[in-house]
Amino acid sequence: PLVDYDLAEQPVILEALRRAGAEHA
């Protein structure tokens, strides 16, 4: 099963936040 992992670990999302300067989120 694809379960019990961090769904936020997605490069396209993390890179978008860092690119905008939204690391606080």
PDB file of all heavy atoms in Angstrom:
ATOM      1  N   PRO A   1       0.829  -1.215   0.000  1.00  0.00           N
ATOM      2  CA  PRO A   1       0.000   0.000   0.000  1.00  0.00           C
ATOM      3  C   PRO A   1       0.862   1.264   0.000  1.00  0.00           C
ATOM      4  O   PRO A   1       1.937   1.300   0.615  1.00  0.00           O
ATOM      5  CB  PRO A   1      -0.804  -0.112   1.302  1.00  0.00           C
ATOM      6  CG  PRO A   1      -0.720  -1.549   1.695  1.00  0.00           C
ATOM      7  CD  PRO A   1       0.584  -2.052   1.184  1.00  0.00           C
ATOM      8  N   LEU A   2       0.397   2.255  -0.701  1.00  0.00           N
ATOM      9  CA  LEU A   2       1.063   3.563  -0.696  1.00  0.00           C
ATOM     10  C   LEU A   2       0.492   4.356   0.472  1.00  0.00           C
ATOM     11  O   LEU A   2      -0.516   5.055   0.348  1.00  0.00           O
ATOM     12  CB  LEU A   2       0.829   4.281  -2.024  1.00  0.00           C
ATOM     13  CG  LEU A   2       1.480   5.663  -2.197  1.00  0.00           C
ATOM     14  CD1 LEU A   2       2.964   5.611  -1.899  1.00  0.00           C
ATOM     15  CD2 LEU A   2       1.226   6.200  -3.596  1.00  0.00           C
ATOM     16  N   VAL A   3       1.115   4.227   1.628  1.00  0.00           N
ATOM     17  CA  VAL A   3       0.536   4.764   2.845  1.00  0.00           C
ATOM     18  C   VAL A   3       1.642   5.098   3.841  1.00  0.00           C
ATOM     19  O   VAL A   3       2.766   4.589   3.748  1.00  0.00           O
ATOM     20  CB  VAL A   3      -0.462   3.746   3.451  1.00  0.00           C
ATOM     21  CG1 VAL A   3       0.267   2.525   4.002  1.00  0.00           C
ATOM     22  CG2 VAL A   3      -1.350   4.368   4.502  1.00  0.00           C
ATOM     23  N   ASP A   4       1.319   5.987   4.781  1.00  0.00           N
ATOM     24  CA  ASP A   4       2.224   6.405   5.853  1.00  0.00           C
ATOM     25  C   ASP A   4       3.504   7.023   5.300  1.00  0.00           C
ATOM     26  O   ASP A   4       4.626   6.568   5.556  1.00  0.00           O
ATOM     27  CB  ASP A   4       2.540   5.220   6.778  1.00  0.00           C
ATOM     28  CG  ASP A   4       1.315   4.790   7.590  1.00  0.00           C
ATOM     29  OD1 ASP A   4       0.472   5.654   7.869  1.00  0.00           O
ATOM     30  OD2 ASP A   4       1.206   3.601   7.915  1.00  0.00           O
ATOM     31  N   TYR A   5       3.322   8.075   4.531  1.00  0.00           N
ATOM     32  CA  TYR A   5       4.445   8.868   4.016  1.00  0.00           C
ATOM     33  C   TYR A   5       4.011  10.326   3.964  1.00  0.00           C
ATOM     34  O   TYR A   5       2.829  10.651   4.150  1.00  0.00           O
ATOM     35  CB  TYR A   5       4.867   8.371   2.635  1.00  0.00           C
ATOM     36  CG  TYR A   5       3.862   8.619   1.523  1.00  0.00           C
ATOM     37  CD1 TYR A   5       4.104   9.555   0.532  1.00  0.00           C
ATOM     38  CD2 TYR A   5       2.663   7.901   1.466  1.00  0.00           C
ATOM     39  CE1 TYR A   5       3.188   9.793  -0.485  1.00  0.00           C
ATOM     40  CE2 TYR A   5       1.752   8.117   0.454  1.00  0.00           C
ATOM     41  CZ  TYR A   5       2.008   9.061  -0.520  1.00  0.00           C
ATOM     42  OH  TYR A   5       1.109   9.293  -1.520  1.00  0.00           O
ATOM     43  N   ASP A   6       4.957  11.212   3.747  1.00  0.00           N
ATOM     44  CA  ASP A   6       4.682  12.648   3.740  1.00  0.00           C
ATOM     45  C   ASP A   6       4.319  13.076   2.320  1.00  0.00           C
ATOM     46  O   ASP A   6       5.180  13.135   1.438  1.00  0.00           O
ATOM     47  CB  ASP A   6       5.915  13.402   4.241  1.00  0.00           C
ATOM     48  CG  ASP A   6       5.686  14.915   4.352  1.00  0.00           C
ATOM     49  OD1 ASP A   6       4.601  15.389   3.969  1.00  0.00           O
ATOM     50  OD2 ASP A   6       6.605  15.599   4.831  1.00  0.00           O
ATOM     51  N   LEU A   7       3.052  13.387   2.117  1.00  0.00           N
ATOM     52  CA  LEU A   7       2.578  13.787   0.790  1.00  0.00           C
ATOM     53  C   LEU A   7       3.117  15.143   0.355  1.00  0.00           C
ATOM     54  O   LEU A   7       2.994  15.523  -0.814  1.00  0.00           O
ATOM     55  CB  LEU A   7       1.046  13.807   0.773  1.00  0.00           C
ATOM     56  CG  LEU A   7       0.358  12.640   0.076  1.00  0.00           C
ATOM     57  CD1 LEU A   7      -1.133  12.648   0.328  1.00  0.00           C
ATOM     58  CD2 LEU A   7       0.624  12.689  -1.415  1.00  0.00           C
ATOM     59  N   ALA A   8       3.708  15.884   1.289  1.00  0.00           N
ATOM     60  CA  ALA A   8       4.280  17.183   0.926  1.00  0.00           C
ATOM     61  C   ALA A   8       5.641  17.048   0.259  1.00  0.00           C
ATOM     62  O   ALA A   8       6.169  18.022  -0.295  1.00  0.00           O
ATOM     63  CB  ALA A   8       4.402  18.069   2.166  1.00  0.00           C
ATOM     64  N   GLU A   9       6.218  15.851   0.307  1.00  0.00           N
ATOM     65  CA  GLU A   9       7.537  15.648  -0.309  1.00  0.00           C
ATOM     66  C   GLU A   9       7.381  15.508  -1.818  1.00  0.00           C
ATOM     67  O   GLU A   9       7.600  14.438  -2.391  1.00  0.00           O
ATOM     68  CB  GLU A   9       8.217  14.423   0.301  1.00  0.00           C
ATOM     69  CG  GLU A   9       8.748  14.635   1.703  1.00  0.00           C
ATOM     70  CD  GLU A   9       9.904  15.639   1.750  1.00  0.00           C
ATOM     71  OE1 GLU A   9      10.527  15.892   0.692  1.00  0.00           O
ATOM     72  OE2 GLU A   9      10.156  16.188   2.837  1.00  0.00           O
ATOM     73  N   GLN A  10       6.996  16.615  -2.441  1.00  0.00           N
ATOM     74  CA  GLN A  10       6.818  16.653  -3.889  1.00  0.00           C
ATOM     75  C   GLN A  10       7.621  17.828  -4.428  1.00  0.00           C
ATOM     76  O   GLN A  10       7.313  18.987  -4.112  1.00  0.00           O
ATOM     77  CB  GLN A  10       5.344  16.786  -4.256  1.00  0.00           C
ATOM     78  CG  GLN A  10       4.485  15.643  -3.702  1.00  0.00           C
ATOM     79  CD  GLN A  10       3.057  15.705  -4.178  1.00  0.00           C
ATOM     80  OE1 GLN A  10       2.777  15.745  -5.374  1.00  0.00           O
ATOM     81  NE2 GLN A  10       2.125  15.690  -3.246  1.00  0.00           N
ATOM     82  N   PRO A  11       8.649  17.566  -5.216  1.00  0.00           N
ATOM     83  CA  PRO A  11       9.551  18.637  -5.648  1.00  0.00           C
ATOM     84  C   PRO A  11       8.851  19.838  -6.267  1.00  0.00           C
ATOM     85  O   PRO A  11       9.210  20.982  -5.986  1.00  0.00           O
ATOM     86  CB  PRO A  11      10.462  17.929  -6.665  1.00  0.00           C
ATOM     87  CG  PRO A  11      10.478  16.510  -6.229  1.00  0.00           C
ATOM     88  CD  PRO A  11       9.092  16.241  -5.705  1.00  0.00           C
ATOM     89  N   VAL A  12       7.846  19.603  -7.104  1.00  0.00           N
ATOM     90  CA  VAL A  12       7.221  20.726  -7.806  1.00  0.00           C
ATOM     91  C   VAL A  12       6.553  21.695  -6.831  1.00  0.00           C
ATOM     92  O   VAL A  12       6.559  22.917  -7.051  1.00  0.00           O
ATOM     93  CB  VAL A  12       6.212  20.211  -8.861  1.00  0.00           C
ATOM     94  CG1 VAL A  12       5.015  19.536  -8.216  1.00  0.00           C
ATOM     95  CG2 VAL A  12       5.770  21.328  -9.780  1.00  0.00           C
ATOM     96  N   ILE A  13       6.025  21.193  -5.715  1.00  0.00           N
ATOM     97  CA  ILE A  13       5.397  22.058  -4.719  1.00  0.00           C
ATOM     98  C   ILE A  13       6.447  22.771  -3.873  1.00  0.00           C
ATOM     99  O   ILE A  13       6.380  23.992  -3.668  1.00  0.00           O
ATOM    100  CB  ILE A  13       4.437  21.248  -3.826  1.00  0.00           C
ATOM    101  CG1 ILE A  13       3.303  20.649  -4.661  1.00  0.00           C
ATOM    102  CG2 ILE A  13       3.872  22.120  -2.705  1.00  0.00           C
ATOM    103  CD1 ILE A  13       2.348  19.778  -3.869  1.00  0.00           C
ATOM    104  N   LEU A  14       7.409  22.016  -3.373  1.00  0.00           N
ATOM    105  CA  LEU A  14       8.443  22.602  -2.523  1.00  0.00           C
ATOM    106  C   LEU A  14       9.237  23.661  -3.282  1.00  0.00           C
ATOM    107  O   LEU A  14       9.560  24.723  -2.736  1.00  0.00           O
ATOM    108  CB  LEU A  14       9.362  21.505  -2.001  1.00  0.00           C
ATOM    109  CG  LEU A  14       8.686  20.422  -1.152  1.00  0.00           C
ATOM    110  CD1 LEU A  14       9.691  19.349  -0.755  1.00  0.00           C
ATOM    111  CD2 LEU A  14       8.046  21.031   0.088  1.00  0.00           C
ATOM    112  N   GLU A  15       9.532  23.397  -4.538  1.00  0.00           N
ATOM    113  CA  GLU A  15      10.287  24.363  -5.336  1.00  0.00           C
ATOM    114  C   GLU A  15       9.486  25.634  -5.580  1.00  0.00           C
ATOM    115  O   GLU A  15      10.048  26.745  -5.586  1.00  0.00           O
ATOM    116  CB  GLU A  15      10.702  23.719  -6.661  1.00  0.00           C
ATOM    117  CG  GLU A  15      11.770  22.640  -6.505  1.00  0.00           C
ATOM    118  CD  GLU A  15      11.898  21.725  -7.708  1.00  0.00           C
ATOM    119  OE1 GLU A  15      11.231  21.995  -8.745  1.00  0.00           O
ATOM    120  OE2 GLU A  15      12.659  20.739  -7.620  1.00  0.00           O
ATOM    121  N   ALA A  16       8.178  25.515  -5.774  1.00  0.00           N
ATOM    122  CA  ALA A  16       7.336  26.700  -5.990  1.00  0.00           C
ATOM    123  C   ALA A  16       7.333  27.596  -4.761  1.00  0.00           C
ATOM    124  O   ALA A  16       7.403  28.832  -4.878  1.00  0.00           O
ATOM    125  CB  ALA A  16       5.916  26.269  -6.350  1.00  0.00           C
ATOM    126  N   LEU A  17       7.246  27.006  -3.581  1.00  0.00           N
ATOM    127  CA  LEU A  17       7.259  27.799  -2.356  1.00  0.00           C
ATOM    128  C   LEU A  17       8.608  28.480  -2.155  1.00  0.00           C
ATOM    129  O   LEU A  17       8.676  29.674  -1.816  1.00  0.00           O
ATOM    130  CB  LEU A  17       6.927  26.919  -1.151  1.00  0.00           C
ATOM    131  CG  LEU A  17       5.486  26.406  -1.060  1.00  0.00           C
ATOM    132  CD1 LEU A  17       5.330  25.460   0.125  1.00  0.00           C
ATOM    133  CD2 LEU A  17       4.500  27.564  -0.936  1.00  0.00           C
ATOM    134  N   ARG A  18       9.672  27.758  -2.373  1.00  0.00           N
ATOM    135  CA  ARG A  18      11.009  28.354  -2.183  1.00  0.00           C
ATOM    136  C   ARG A  18      11.265  29.443  -3.221  1.00  0.00           C
ATOM    137  O   ARG A  18      11.865  30.481  -2.923  1.00  0.00           O
ATOM    138  CB  ARG A  18      12.070  27.255  -2.266  1.00  0.00           C
ATOM    139  CG  ARG A  18      12.000  26.256  -1.095  1.00  0.00           C
ATOM    140  CD  ARG A  18      13.173  25.288  -1.110  1.00  0.00           C
ATOM    141  NE  ARG A  18      13.115  24.386   0.036  1.00  0.00           N
ATOM    142  CZ  ARG A  18      12.859  23.088  -0.034  1.00  0.00           C
ATOM    143  NH1 ARG A  18      12.650  22.504  -1.218  1.00  0.00           N
ATOM    144  NH2 ARG A  18      12.823  22.342   1.060  1.00  0.00           N
ATOM    145  N   ARG A  19      10.805  29.228  -4.436  1.00  0.00           N
ATOM    146  CA  ARG A  19      11.003  30.212  -5.502  1.00  0.00           C
ATOM    147  C   ARG A  19      10.311  31.536  -5.168  1.00  0.00           C
ATOM    148  O   ARG A  19      10.822  32.618  -5.471  1.00  0.00           O
ATOM    149  CB  ARG A  19      10.467  29.643  -6.812  1.00  0.00           C
ATOM    150  CG  ARG A  19      10.710  30.499  -8.023  1.00  0.00           C
ATOM    151  CD  ARG A  19      10.489  29.693  -9.287  1.00  0.00           C
ATOM    152  NE  ARG A  19       9.155  29.168  -9.430  1.00  0.00           N
ATOM    153  CZ  ARG A  19       8.833  27.875  -9.442  1.00  0.00           C
ATOM    154  NH1 ARG A  19       9.772  26.954  -9.279  1.00  0.00           N
ATOM    155  NH2 ARG A  19       7.585  27.474  -9.606  1.00  0.00           N
ATOM    156  N   ALA A  20       9.161  31.443  -4.519  1.00  0.00           N
ATOM    157  CA  ALA A  20       8.405  32.646  -4.165  1.00  0.00           C
ATOM    158  C   ALA A  20       8.868  33.266  -2.851  1.00  0.00           C
ATOM    159  O   ALA A  20       8.390  34.341  -2.478  1.00  0.00           O
ATOM    160  CB  ALA A  20       6.919  32.305  -4.070  1.00  0.00           C
ATOM    161  N   GLY A  21       9.769  32.594  -2.140  1.00  0.00           N
ATOM    162  CA  GLY A  21      10.183  33.098  -0.837  1.00  0.00           C
ATOM    163  C   GLY A  21       9.190  32.777   0.256  1.00  0.00           C
ATOM    164  O   GLY A  21       9.062  33.531   1.234  1.00  0.00           O
ATOM    165  N   ALA A  22       8.475  31.662   0.132  1.00  0.00           N
ATOM    166  CA  ALA A  22       7.451  31.277   1.107  1.00  0.00           C
ATOM    167  C   ALA A  22       7.913  30.104   1.966  1.00  0.00           C
ATOM    168  O   ALA A  22       7.116  29.238   2.331  1.00  0.00           O
ATOM    169  CB  ALA A  22       6.150  30.940   0.390  1.00  0.00           C
ATOM    170  N   GLU A  23       9.191  30.091   2.313  1.00  0.00           N
ATOM    171  CA  GLU A  23       9.722  28.994   3.135  1.00  0.00           C
ATOM    172  C   GLU A  23       9.051  28.909   4.496  1.00  0.00           C
ATOM    173  O   GLU A  23       9.030  27.835   5.115  1.00  0.00           O
ATOM    174  CB  GLU A  23      11.234  29.149   3.336  1.00  0.00           C
ATOM    175  CG  GLU A  23      12.065  28.930   2.094  1.00  0.00           C
ATOM    176  CD  GLU A  23      12.314  30.208   1.314  1.00  0.00           C
ATOM    177  OE1 GLU A  23      11.578  31.202   1.541  1.00  0.00           O
ATOM    178  OE2 GLU A  23      13.239  30.222   0.474  1.00  0.00           O
ATOM    179  N   HIS A  24       8.474  30.011   4.967  1.00  0.00           N
ATOM    180  CA  HIS A  24       7.800  29.999   6.270  1.00  0.00           C
ATOM    181  C   HIS A  24       6.630  29.014   6.295  1.00  0.00           C
ATOM    182  O   HIS A  24       6.181  28.608   7.372  1.00  0.00           O
ATOM    183  CB  HIS A  24       7.282  31.397   6.610  1.00  0.00           C
ATOM    184  CG  HIS A  24       6.231  31.895   5.657  1.00  0.00           C
ATOM    185  ND1 HIS A  24       6.530  32.528   4.460  1.00  0.00           N
ATOM    186  CD2 HIS A  24       4.872  31.832   5.701  1.00  0.00           C
ATOM    187  CE1 HIS A  24       5.422  32.836   3.828  1.00  0.00           C
ATOM    188  NE2 HIS A  24       4.396  32.426   4.559  1.00  0.00           N
ATOM    189  N   ALA A  25       6.130  28.632   5.127  1.00  0.00           N
ATOM    190  CA  ALA A  25       4.977  27.730   5.051  1.00  0.00           C
ATOM    191  C   ALA A  25       5.362  26.264   5.080  1.00  0.00           C
ATOM    192  O   ALA A  25       4.475  25.397   5.161  1.00  0.00           O
ATOM    193  CB  ALA A  25       4.180  28.023   3.778  1.00  0.00           C
TER     194      ALA A  25
END
